[in-house]
Amino acid sequence: MLGVPGASNTFDTVSYMPSTLANFDIGIQALLTNRWEFKFDYGLSLGNNYTSQAGMARFAVHF
């Protein structure tokens, strides 16, 4: 931060990540009447005192 007294231009971040993870992913996709598309995905990562989840939904109209 320029011009701020006592400010530093750098910082450190620390985050804990387990050394071993189990990853699970599942998804489904549907194409309807050659025009509509629906897609859903889910991901799960598990480790020692660690859980991460991700989800995605997609809708498309093809022309």
PDB file of N, CA and C in Angstrom:
ATOM      1  N   MET A   1       0.846  -1.167   0.000  1.00  0.00           N
ATOM      2  CA  MET A   1       0.000   0.000   0.000  1.00  0.00           C
ATOM      3  C   MET A   1       0.894   1.233   0.000  1.00  0.00           C
ATOM      4  N   LEU A   2       0.893   1.905  -1.061  1.00  0.00           N
ATOM      5  CA  LEU A   2       1.736   3.082  -1.205  1.00  0.00           C
ATOM      6  C   LEU A   2       1.154   4.258  -0.435  1.00  0.00           C
ATOM      7  N   GLY A   3       2.040   4.979   0.231  1.00  0.00           N
ATOM      8  CA  GLY A   3       1.617   6.187   0.919  1.00  0.00           C
ATOM      9  C   GLY A   3       0.981   5.978   2.278  1.00  0.00           C
ATOM     10  N   VAL A   4       0.891   4.750   2.760  1.00  0.00           N
ATOM     11  CA  VAL A   4       0.302   4.487   4.072  1.00  0.00           C
ATOM     12  C   VAL A   4       1.442   4.268   5.059  1.00  0.00           C
ATOM     13  N   PRO A   5       1.564   5.109   6.090  1.00  0.00           N
ATOM     14  CA  PRO A   5       2.662   4.959   7.050  1.00  0.00           C
ATOM     15  C   PRO A   5       2.615   3.608   7.759  1.00  0.00           C
ATOM     16  N   GLY A   6       3.755   2.928   7.822  1.00  0.00           N
ATOM     17  CA  GLY A   6       3.861   1.652   8.516  1.00  0.00           C
ATOM     18  C   GLY A   6       3.300   0.470   7.760  1.00  0.00           C
ATOM     19  N   ALA A   7       2.822   0.677   6.544  1.00  0.00           N
ATOM     20  CA  ALA A   7       2.245  -0.428   5.767  1.00  0.00           C
ATOM     21  C   ALA A   7       3.354  -1.188   5.052  1.00  0.00           C
ATOM     22  N   SER A   8       3.132  -2.457   4.862  1.00  0.00           N
ATOM     23  CA  SER A   8       4.077  -3.319   4.155  1.00  0.00           C
ATOM     24  C   SER A   8       3.432  -3.765   2.852  1.00  0.00           C
ATOM     25  N   ASN A   9       4.233  -3.983   1.826  1.00  0.00           N
ATOM     26  CA  ASN A   9       3.708  -4.416   0.534  1.00  0.00           C
ATOM     27  C   ASN A   9       3.560  -5.926   0.430  1.00  0.00           C
ATOM     28  N   THR A  10       3.940  -6.663   1.463  1.00  0.00           N
ATOM     29  CA  THR A  10       3.836  -8.124   1.418  1.00  0.00           C
ATOM     30  C   THR A  10       3.075  -8.626   2.640  1.00  0.00           C
ATOM     31  N   PHE A  11       2.554  -9.842   2.527  1.00  0.00           N
ATOM     32  CA  PHE A  11       1.920 -10.503   3.654  1.00  0.00           C
ATOM     33  C   PHE A  11       2.029 -12.007   3.439  1.00  0.00           C
ATOM     34  N   ASP A  12       1.896 -12.764   4.496  1.00  0.00           N
ATOM     35  CA  ASP A  12       1.976 -14.223   4.451  1.00  0.00           C
ATOM     36  C   ASP A  12       0.638 -14.810   4.867  1.00  0.00           C
ATOM     37  N   THR A  13       0.261 -15.883   4.195  1.00  0.00           N
ATOM     38  CA  THR A  13      -0.911 -16.645   4.600  1.00  0.00           C
ATOM     39  C   THR A  13      -0.485 -18.083   4.823  1.00  0.00           C
ATOM     40  N   VAL A  14      -1.098 -18.714   5.789  1.00  0.00           N
ATOM     41  CA  VAL A  14      -0.786 -20.102   6.119  1.00  0.00           C
ATOM     42  C   VAL A  14      -2.097 -20.857   6.197  1.00  0.00           C
ATOM     43  N   SER A  15      -2.163 -22.005   5.544  1.00  0.00           N
ATOM     44  CA  SER A  15      -3.351 -22.846   5.640  1.00  0.00           C
ATOM     45  C   SER A  15      -2.923 -24.295   5.788  1.00  0.00           C
ATOM     46  N   TYR A  16      -3.659 -25.007   6.610  1.00  0.00           N
ATOM     47  CA  TYR A  16      -3.385 -26.408   6.884  1.00  0.00           C
ATOM     48  C   TYR A  16      -4.021 -27.277   5.809  1.00  0.00           C
ATOM     49  N   MET A  17      -3.257 -28.189   5.263  1.00  0.00           N
ATOM     50  CA  MET A  17      -3.762 -29.187   4.320  1.00  0.00           C
ATOM     51  C   MET A  17      -3.234 -30.551   4.756  1.00  0.00           C
ATOM     52  N   PRO A  18      -4.088 -31.548   4.823  1.00  0.00           N
ATOM     53  CA  PRO A  18      -3.621 -32.884   5.182  1.00  0.00           C
ATOM     54  C   PRO A  18      -2.718 -33.452   4.089  1.00  0.00           C
ATOM     55  N   SER A  19      -1.851 -34.364   4.476  1.00  0.00           N
ATOM     56  CA  SER A  19      -0.919 -34.953   3.506  1.00  0.00           C
ATOM     57  C   SER A  19      -1.607 -35.960   2.592  1.00  0.00           C
ATOM     58  N   THR A  20      -2.755 -36.507   3.015  1.00  0.00           N
ATOM     59  CA  THR A  20      -3.488 -37.482   2.201  1.00  0.00           C
ATOM     60  C   THR A  20      -4.953 -37.057   2.113  1.00  0.00           C
ATOM     61  N   LEU A  21      -5.482 -37.089   0.898  1.00  0.00           N
ATOM     62  CA  LEU A  21      -6.883 -36.752   0.670  1.00  0.00           C
ATOM     63  C   LEU A  21      -7.580 -37.881  -0.071  1.00  0.00           C
ATOM     64  N   ALA A  22      -8.853 -38.084   0.240  1.00  0.00           N
ATOM     65  CA  ALA A  22      -9.710 -38.981  -0.543  1.00  0.00           C
ATOM     66  C   ALA A  22     -10.664 -38.090  -1.332  1.00  0.00           C
ATOM     67  N   ASN A  23     -10.684 -38.238  -2.645  1.00  0.00           N
ATOM     68  CA  ASN A  23     -11.519 -37.412  -3.518  1.00  0.00           C
ATOM     69  C   ASN A  23     -12.627 -38.254  -4.134  1.00  0.00           C
ATOM     70  N   PHE A  24     -13.854 -37.731  -4.088  1.00  0.00           N
ATOM     71  CA  PHE A  24     -15.009 -38.387  -4.686  1.00  0.00           C
ATOM     72  C   PHE A  24     -15.728 -37.369  -5.575  1.00  0.00           C
ATOM     73  N   ASP A  25     -16.032 -37.762  -6.787  1.00  0.00           N
ATOM     74  CA  ASP A  25     -16.738 -36.890  -7.729  1.00  0.00           C
ATOM     75  C   ASP A  25     -17.871 -37.663  -8.383  1.00  0.00           C
ATOM     76  N   ILE A  26     -18.991 -36.983  -8.590  1.00  0.00           N
ATOM     77  CA  ILE A  26     -20.121 -37.597  -9.278  1.00  0.00           C
ATOM     78  C   ILE A  26     -20.813 -36.506 -10.095  1.00  0.00           C
ATOM     79  N   GLY A  27     -21.380 -36.904 -11.216  1.00  0.00           N
ATOM     80  CA  GLY A  27     -22.057 -35.934 -12.059  1.00  0.00           C
ATOM     81  C   GLY A  27     -23.092 -36.595 -12.939  1.00  0.00           C
ATOM     82  N   ILE A  28     -23.998 -35.781 -13.441  1.00  0.00           N
ATOM     83  CA  ILE A  28     -25.021 -36.262 -14.366  1.00  0.00           C
ATOM     84  C   ILE A  28     -25.235 -35.176 -15.419  1.00  0.00           C
ATOM     85  N   GLN A  29     -25.478 -35.631 -16.639  1.00  0.00           N
ATOM     86  CA  GLN A  29     -25.714 -34.712 -17.747  1.00  0.00           C
ATOM     87  C   GLN A  29     -26.905 -35.211 -18.545  1.00  0.00           C
ATOM     88  N   ALA A  30     -27.794 -34.302 -18.922  1.00  0.00           N
ATOM     89  CA  ALA A  30     -28.974 -34.665 -19.708  1.00  0.00           C
ATOM     90  C   ALA A  30     -29.096 -33.727 -20.899  1.00  0.00           C
ATOM     91  N   LEU A  31     -29.299 -34.310 -22.076  1.00  0.00           N
ATOM     92  CA  LEU A  31     -29.579 -33.556 -23.294  1.00  0.00           C
ATOM     93  C   LEU A  31     -31.017 -33.846 -23.686  1.00  0.00           C
ATOM     94  N   LEU A  32     -31.824 -32.810 -23.817  1.00  0.00           N
ATOM     95  CA  LEU A  32     -33.240 -32.986 -24.103  1.00  0.00           C
ATOM     96  C   LEU A  32     -33.594 -32.338 -25.436  1.00  0.00           C
ATOM     97  N   THR A  33     -34.284 -33.067 -26.270  1.00  0.00           N
ATOM     98  CA  THR A  33     -34.794 -32.617 -27.577  1.00  0.00           C
ATOM     99  C   THR A  33     -33.732 -31.919 -28.425  1.00  0.00           C
ATOM    100  N   ASN A  34     -32.512 -32.374 -28.349  1.00  0.00           N
ATOM    101  CA  ASN A  34     -31.397 -31.849 -29.145  1.00  0.00           C
ATOM    102  C   ASN A  34     -31.154 -30.354 -28.964  1.00  0.00           C
ATOM    103  N   ARG A  35     -31.665 -29.786 -27.901  1.00  0.00           N
ATOM    104  CA  ARG A  35     -31.511 -28.348 -27.714  1.00  0.00           C
ATOM    105  C   ARG A  35     -31.153 -27.954 -26.284  1.00  0.00           C
ATOM    106  N   TRP A  36     -31.755 -28.584 -25.300  1.00  0.00           N
ATOM    107  CA  TRP A  36     -31.570 -28.235 -23.897  1.00  0.00           C
ATOM    108  C   TRP A  36     -30.525 -29.147 -23.265  1.00  0.00           C
ATOM    109  N   GLU A  37     -29.687 -28.574 -22.433  1.00  0.00           N
ATOM    110  CA  GLU A  37     -28.676 -29.359 -21.730  1.00  0.00           C
ATOM    111  C   GLU A  37     -28.675 -28.971 -20.252  1.00  0.00           C
ATOM    112  N   PHE A  38     -28.685 -29.982 -19.391  1.00  0.00           N
ATOM    113  CA  PHE A  38     -28.588 -29.800 -17.950  1.00  0.00           C
ATOM    114  C   PHE A  38     -27.414 -30.626 -17.453  1.00  0.00           C
ATOM    115  N   LYS A  39     -26.602 -30.045 -16.582  1.00  0.00           N
ATOM    116  CA  LYS A  39     -25.449 -30.767 -16.060  1.00  0.00           C
ATOM    117  C   LYS A  39     -25.277 -30.410 -14.585  1.00  0.00           C
ATOM    118  N   PHE A  40     -25.070 -31.430 -13.757  1.00  0.00           N
ATOM    119  CA  PHE A  40     -24.869 -31.257 -12.323  1.00  0.00           C
ATOM    120  C   PHE A  40     -23.647 -32.064 -11.906  1.00  0.00           C
ATOM    121  N   ASP A  41     -22.740 -31.445 -11.148  1.00  0.00           N
ATOM    122  CA  ASP A  41     -21.539 -32.112 -10.644  1.00  0.00           C
ATOM    123  C   ASP A  41     -21.412 -31.841  -9.150  1.00  0.00           C
ATOM    124  N   TYR A  42     -20.861 -32.834  -8.431  1.00  0.00           N
ATOM    125  CA  TYR A  42     -20.603 -32.703  -6.999  1.00  0.00           C
ATOM    126  C   TYR A  42     -19.248 -33.328  -6.706  1.00  0.00           C
ATOM    127  N   GLY A  43     -18.434 -32.643  -5.911  1.00  0.00           N
ATOM    128  CA  GLY A  43     -17.128 -33.160  -5.525  1.00  0.00           C
ATOM    129  C   GLY A  43     -16.945 -33.084  -4.021  1.00  0.00           C
ATOM    130  N   LEU A  44     -16.295 -34.094  -3.469  1.00  0.00           N
ATOM    131  CA  LEU A  44     -16.041 -34.177  -2.035  1.00  0.00           C
ATOM    132  C   LEU A  44     -14.598 -34.601  -1.821  1.00  0.00           C
ATOM    133  N   SER A  45     -13.875 -33.861  -0.988  1.00  0.00           N
ATOM    134  CA  SER A  45     -12.512 -34.217  -0.596  1.00  0.00           C
ATOM    135  C   SER A  45     -12.486 -34.368   0.918  1.00  0.00           C
ATOM    136  N   LEU A  46     -11.938 -35.480   1.387  1.00  0.00           N
ATOM    137  CA  LEU A  46     -11.877 -35.764   2.820  1.00  0.00           C
ATOM    138  C   LEU A  46     -10.445 -36.042   3.232  1.00  0.00           C
ATOM    139  N   GLY A  47     -10.065 -35.530   4.394  1.00  0.00           N
ATOM    140  CA  GLY A  47      -8.755 -35.784   4.971  1.00  0.00           C
ATOM    141  C   GLY A  47      -8.839 -35.660   6.481  1.00  0.00           C
ATOM    142  N   ASN A  48      -7.702 -35.747   7.145  1.00  0.00           N
ATOM    143  CA  ASN A  48      -7.641 -35.645   8.596  1.00  0.00           C
ATOM    144  C   ASN A  48      -8.060 -34.230   9.019  1.00  0.00           C
ATOM    145  N   ASN A  49      -9.195 -34.106   9.695  1.00  0.00           N
ATOM    146  CA  ASN A  49      -9.759 -32.820  10.120  1.00  0.00           C
ATOM    147  C   ASN A  49      -9.961 -31.860   8.944  1.00  0.00           C
ATOM    148  N   TYR A  50     -10.318 -32.388   7.792  1.00  0.00           N
ATOM    149  CA  TYR A  50     -10.479 -31.564   6.588  1.00  0.00           C
ATOM    150  C   TYR A  50     -11.631 -32.097   5.749  1.00  0.00           C
ATOM    151  N   THR A  51     -12.522 -31.214   5.332  1.00  0.00           N
ATOM    152  CA  THR A  51     -13.609 -31.556   4.412  1.00  0.00           C
ATOM    153  C   THR A  51     -13.786 -30.403   3.437  1.00  0.00           C
ATOM    154  N   SER A  52     -13.843 -30.728   2.163  1.00  0.00           N
ATOM    155  CA  SER A  52     -14.083 -29.723   1.136  1.00  0.00           C
ATOM    156  C   SER A  52     -15.160 -30.247   0.196  1.00  0.00           C
ATOM    157  N   GLN A  53     -16.149 -29.418  -0.089  1.00  0.00           N
ATOM    158  CA  GLN A  53     -17.228 -29.801  -0.987  1.00  0.00           C
ATOM    159  C   GLN A  53     -17.357 -28.749  -2.090  1.00  0.00           C
ATOM    160  N   ALA A  54     -17.691 -29.218  -3.284  1.00  0.00           N
ATOM    161  CA  ALA A  54     -17.896 -28.309  -4.412  1.00  0.00           C
ATOM    162  C   ALA A  54     -19.080 -28.804  -5.222  1.00  0.00           C
ATOM    163  N   GLY A  55     -19.852 -27.875  -5.737  1.00  0.00           N
ATOM    164  CA  GLY A  55     -20.990 -28.228  -6.569  1.00  0.00           C
ATOM    165  C   GLY A  55     -21.073 -27.299  -7.767  1.00  0.00           C
ATOM    166  N   MET A  56     -21.644 -27.808  -8.845  1.00  0.00           N
ATOM    167  CA  MET A  56     -21.774 -27.020 -10.057  1.00  0.00           C
ATOM    168  C   MET A  56     -23.049 -27.427 -10.769  1.00  0.00           C
ATOM    169  N   ALA A  57     -23.802 -26.440 -11.218  1.00  0.00           N
ATOM    170  CA  ALA A  57     -24.995 -26.684 -12.025  1.00  0.00           C
ATOM    171  C   ALA A  57     -24.858 -25.863 -13.298  1.00  0.00           C
ATOM    172  N   ARG A  58     -25.222 -26.483 -14.425  1.00  0.00           N
ATOM    173  CA  ARG A  58     -25.104 -25.800 -15.715  1.00  0.00           C
ATOM    174  C   ARG A  58     -26.355 -26.053 -16.532  1.00  0.00           C
ATOM    175  N   PHE A  59     -26.827 -24.998 -17.156  1.00  0.00           N
ATOM    176  CA  PHE A  59     -27.969 -25.081 -18.051  1.00  0.00           C
ATOM    177  C   PHE A  59     -27.573 -24.389 -19.346  1.00  0.00           C
ATOM    178  N   ALA A  60     -27.852 -25.024 -20.475  1.00  0.00           N
ATOM    179  CA  ALA A  60     -27.505 -24.432 -21.767  1.00  0.00           C
ATOM    180  C   ALA A  60     -28.617 -24.698 -22.770  1.00  0.00           C
ATOM    181  N   VAL A  61     -28.792 -23.748 -23.665  1.00  0.00           N
ATOM    182  CA  VAL A  61     -29.700 -23.904 -24.801  1.00  0.00           C
ATOM    183  C   VAL A  61     -28.835 -23.828 -26.048  1.00  0.00           C
ATOM    184  N   HIS A  62     -28.782 -24.918 -26.795  1.00  0.00           N
ATOM    185  CA  HIS A  62     -27.957 -24.982 -28.000  1.00  0.00           C
ATOM    186  C   HIS A  62     -28.778 -24.525 -29.203  1.00  0.00           C
ATOM    187  N   PHE A  63     -28.157 -23.724 -30.039  1.00  0.00           N
ATOM    188  CA  PHE A  63     -28.843 -23.265 -31.253  1.00  0.00           C
ATOM    189  C   PHE A  63     -27.895 -23.275 -32.421  1.00  0.00           C
TER     190      PHE A  63
END
